[in-house]
N, C-alpha and C. Protein backbone atom coordinates (compact mmCIF):
# COMPACT_ATOMS: atom_id res chain seq x y z
N UNK A 1 62.64 -184.28 -37.95
CA UNK A 1 63.52 -185.33 -38.90
C UNK A 1 64.49 -186.06 -37.91
N UNK A 2 64.83 -185.30 -36.92
CA UNK A 2 65.88 -186.18 -35.89
C UNK A 2 65.13 -187.37 -35.24
N UNK A 3 63.94 -187.16 -34.87
CA UNK A 3 62.88 -188.04 -34.23
C UNK A 3 62.58 -189.42 -35.11
N UNK A 4 62.42 -188.86 -36.45
CA UNK A 4 62.02 -189.97 -37.54
C UNK A 4 63.24 -190.81 -37.94
N UNK A 5 64.41 -189.93 -37.86
CA UNK A 5 65.67 -190.65 -38.06
C UNK A 5 65.94 -191.82 -37.15
N UNK A 6 65.69 -191.31 -35.76
CA UNK A 6 66.06 -192.29 -34.61
C UNK A 6 65.06 -193.37 -34.74
N UNK A 7 63.75 -193.16 -34.78
CA UNK A 7 62.76 -194.13 -34.84
C UNK A 7 62.93 -195.19 -36.01
N UNK A 8 63.17 -194.53 -37.05
CA UNK A 8 63.35 -195.43 -38.18
C UNK A 8 64.52 -196.43 -38.05
N UNK A 9 65.62 -195.73 -37.50
CA UNK A 9 66.96 -196.49 -37.32
C UNK A 9 66.77 -197.74 -36.42
N UNK A 10 65.83 -197.36 -35.12
CA UNK A 10 65.52 -198.40 -34.35
C UNK A 10 64.90 -199.50 -34.76
N UNK A 11 63.93 -199.28 -35.81
CA UNK A 11 63.10 -200.11 -36.49
C UNK A 11 63.85 -200.99 -37.53
N UNK A 12 64.98 -200.50 -37.89
CA UNK A 12 65.63 -200.93 -38.92
C UNK A 12 65.08 -200.83 -40.30
N UNK A 13 64.47 -199.55 -40.47
CA UNK A 13 63.82 -199.06 -41.85
C UNK A 13 64.79 -198.22 -42.36
N UNK A 14 65.92 -198.72 -43.18
CA UNK A 14 67.05 -198.03 -43.46
C UNK A 14 66.71 -197.12 -44.65
N UNK A 15 65.75 -197.12 -45.46
CA UNK A 15 65.30 -196.16 -46.34
C UNK A 15 64.80 -194.96 -45.72
N UNK A 16 63.94 -195.11 -44.57
CA UNK A 16 63.59 -193.96 -44.03
C UNK A 16 64.66 -193.17 -43.14
N UNK A 17 65.69 -194.09 -42.55
CA UNK A 17 66.68 -193.41 -41.94
C UNK A 17 67.66 -192.64 -42.90
N UNK A 18 67.96 -193.24 -44.10
CA UNK A 18 68.77 -192.42 -44.94
C UNK A 18 68.19 -191.18 -45.49
N UNK A 19 66.86 -191.36 -45.86
CA UNK A 19 66.36 -190.11 -46.38
C UNK A 19 65.96 -189.04 -45.30
N UNK A 20 65.65 -189.40 -44.03
CA UNK A 20 65.40 -188.50 -42.99
C UNK A 20 66.76 -187.90 -42.55
N UNK A 21 67.84 -188.59 -42.55
CA UNK A 21 69.18 -188.04 -42.35
C UNK A 21 69.61 -186.92 -43.42
N UNK A 22 69.38 -187.26 -44.48
CA UNK A 22 69.77 -186.40 -45.64
C UNK A 22 68.74 -184.99 -45.50
N UNK A 23 67.46 -185.32 -45.22
CA UNK A 23 66.54 -184.20 -45.11
C UNK A 23 66.93 -183.49 -43.72
N UNK A 24 67.33 -183.99 -42.71
CA UNK A 24 67.94 -183.14 -41.81
C UNK A 24 69.18 -182.45 -41.91
N UNK A 25 70.02 -182.98 -42.64
CA UNK A 25 71.23 -182.34 -43.17
C UNK A 25 70.76 -180.89 -44.01
N UNK A 26 69.90 -181.12 -44.85
CA UNK A 26 69.35 -179.89 -45.73
C UNK A 26 68.53 -178.90 -44.67
N UNK A 27 67.98 -179.38 -43.67
CA UNK A 27 67.33 -178.44 -42.73
C UNK A 27 68.42 -177.59 -41.92
N UNK A 28 69.24 -178.20 -41.44
CA UNK A 28 70.36 -177.63 -40.78
C UNK A 28 71.25 -176.67 -41.71
N UNK A 29 71.38 -177.01 -42.98
CA UNK A 29 72.06 -176.07 -43.83
C UNK A 29 71.30 -174.76 -44.04
N UNK A 30 69.90 -175.06 -44.23
CA UNK A 30 68.99 -174.04 -44.35
C UNK A 30 68.91 -173.08 -43.15
N UNK A 31 69.00 -173.70 -41.83
CA UNK A 31 69.03 -172.82 -40.70
C UNK A 31 70.15 -171.92 -40.72
N UNK A 32 71.24 -172.26 -41.22
CA UNK A 32 72.74 -171.65 -41.19
C UNK A 32 72.82 -170.65 -42.23
N UNK A 33 72.01 -170.46 -43.21
CA UNK A 33 71.75 -169.39 -44.22
C UNK A 33 71.10 -168.27 -43.65
N UNK A 34 71.81 -167.10 -44.01
CA UNK A 34 71.16 -165.81 -43.68
C UNK A 34 70.22 -165.33 -44.51
N UNK A 35 70.01 -165.76 -45.60
CA UNK A 35 68.87 -165.34 -46.43
C UNK A 35 68.44 -166.60 -47.19
N UNK A 36 67.02 -166.80 -47.19
CA UNK A 36 66.67 -167.87 -48.08
C UNK A 36 65.75 -167.37 -49.51
N UNK A 37 65.61 -168.39 -50.24
CA UNK A 37 65.03 -168.09 -51.46
C UNK A 37 64.14 -169.40 -51.53
N UNK A 38 63.16 -169.36 -52.53
CA UNK A 38 62.25 -170.47 -52.74
C UNK A 38 63.23 -171.74 -53.28
N UNK A 39 64.04 -171.44 -54.00
CA UNK A 39 64.95 -172.72 -54.54
C UNK A 39 65.68 -173.37 -53.57
N UNK A 40 65.81 -172.64 -52.54
CA UNK A 40 66.56 -173.25 -51.41
C UNK A 40 66.00 -174.45 -50.84
N UNK A 41 64.68 -174.59 -50.87
CA UNK A 41 63.92 -175.49 -50.24
C UNK A 41 63.49 -176.62 -51.13
N UNK A 42 64.14 -176.66 -52.57
CA UNK A 42 63.76 -177.69 -53.54
C UNK A 42 64.39 -178.97 -53.04
N UNK A 43 65.57 -179.02 -52.52
CA UNK A 43 66.27 -180.53 -52.14
C UNK A 43 65.30 -181.00 -51.13
N UNK A 44 65.03 -180.19 -50.13
CA UNK A 44 64.23 -180.55 -48.93
C UNK A 44 62.92 -181.19 -49.56
N UNK A 45 62.32 -180.36 -50.34
CA UNK A 45 60.93 -180.92 -50.89
C UNK A 45 61.07 -182.38 -51.57
N UNK A 46 62.18 -182.65 -52.20
CA UNK A 46 62.43 -183.75 -52.87
C UNK A 46 62.57 -184.81 -51.80
N UNK A 47 63.45 -184.66 -50.91
CA UNK A 47 63.52 -185.64 -49.68
C UNK A 47 62.23 -185.95 -48.99
N UNK A 48 61.25 -184.91 -48.77
CA UNK A 48 60.08 -185.10 -48.37
C UNK A 48 59.03 -185.89 -49.06
N UNK A 49 59.25 -185.81 -50.47
CA UNK A 49 58.44 -186.50 -51.42
C UNK A 49 59.00 -187.95 -51.35
N UNK A 50 60.25 -188.17 -51.26
CA UNK A 50 60.70 -189.54 -51.08
C UNK A 50 60.17 -190.31 -49.82
N UNK A 51 60.10 -189.52 -48.77
CA UNK A 51 59.57 -190.12 -47.69
C UNK A 51 57.83 -190.64 -47.82
N UNK A 52 57.26 -189.57 -48.28
CA UNK A 52 55.99 -189.92 -48.64
C UNK A 52 55.74 -191.01 -49.53
N UNK A 53 56.46 -191.19 -50.61
CA UNK A 53 56.54 -192.23 -51.50
C UNK A 53 56.72 -193.58 -50.93
N UNK A 54 57.85 -193.75 -50.03
CA UNK A 54 58.13 -194.66 -49.24
C UNK A 54 57.18 -195.12 -48.36
N UNK A 55 56.47 -194.30 -47.56
CA UNK A 55 55.38 -194.43 -46.80
C UNK A 55 54.27 -195.10 -47.57
N UNK A 56 53.96 -194.66 -48.54
CA UNK A 56 52.71 -195.14 -49.40
C UNK A 56 53.22 -196.54 -49.79
N UNK A 57 54.32 -196.78 -50.22
CA UNK A 57 54.74 -198.19 -50.61
C UNK A 57 54.58 -199.09 -49.33
N UNK A 58 54.97 -198.80 -48.31
CA UNK A 58 54.94 -199.67 -47.14
C UNK A 58 53.54 -199.75 -46.70
N UNK A 59 52.55 -198.79 -46.96
CA UNK A 59 51.34 -198.88 -46.60
C UNK A 59 50.69 -199.89 -47.62
N UNK A 60 51.05 -199.65 -48.85
CA UNK A 60 50.32 -200.62 -49.83
C UNK A 60 50.88 -202.04 -49.61
N UNK A 61 52.01 -202.29 -49.42
CA UNK A 61 52.62 -203.56 -49.06
C UNK A 61 51.90 -204.29 -47.94
N UNK A 62 51.62 -203.59 -46.70
CA UNK A 62 50.83 -204.03 -45.63
C UNK A 62 49.56 -204.53 -45.83
N UNK A 63 48.89 -203.49 -46.60
CA UNK A 63 47.38 -204.05 -47.11
C UNK A 63 47.46 -205.42 -47.97
N UNK A 64 48.47 -205.55 -48.75
CA UNK A 64 48.51 -206.94 -49.52
C UNK A 64 48.70 -207.93 -48.57
N UNK A 65 49.49 -207.61 -47.61
CA UNK A 65 49.94 -208.84 -46.48
C UNK A 65 48.57 -209.22 -45.69
N UNK A 66 47.70 -208.23 -45.50
CA UNK A 66 46.49 -208.48 -44.72
C UNK A 66 45.59 -209.08 -45.62
């Protein structure tokens, strides 16, 4: 997530930067928990889904431009 955040920031892809930053924060919080349950990963799964949807949108736009 840290690499994605840095690379997206350098490319000024603000949506990716915001979502990857939030996902990184969630990962950090999970690492600090002593015990984990399935529900603890829900917020992270939502952020990852947002990243995939944004990637698909950009890919579709790129295909339309070509």
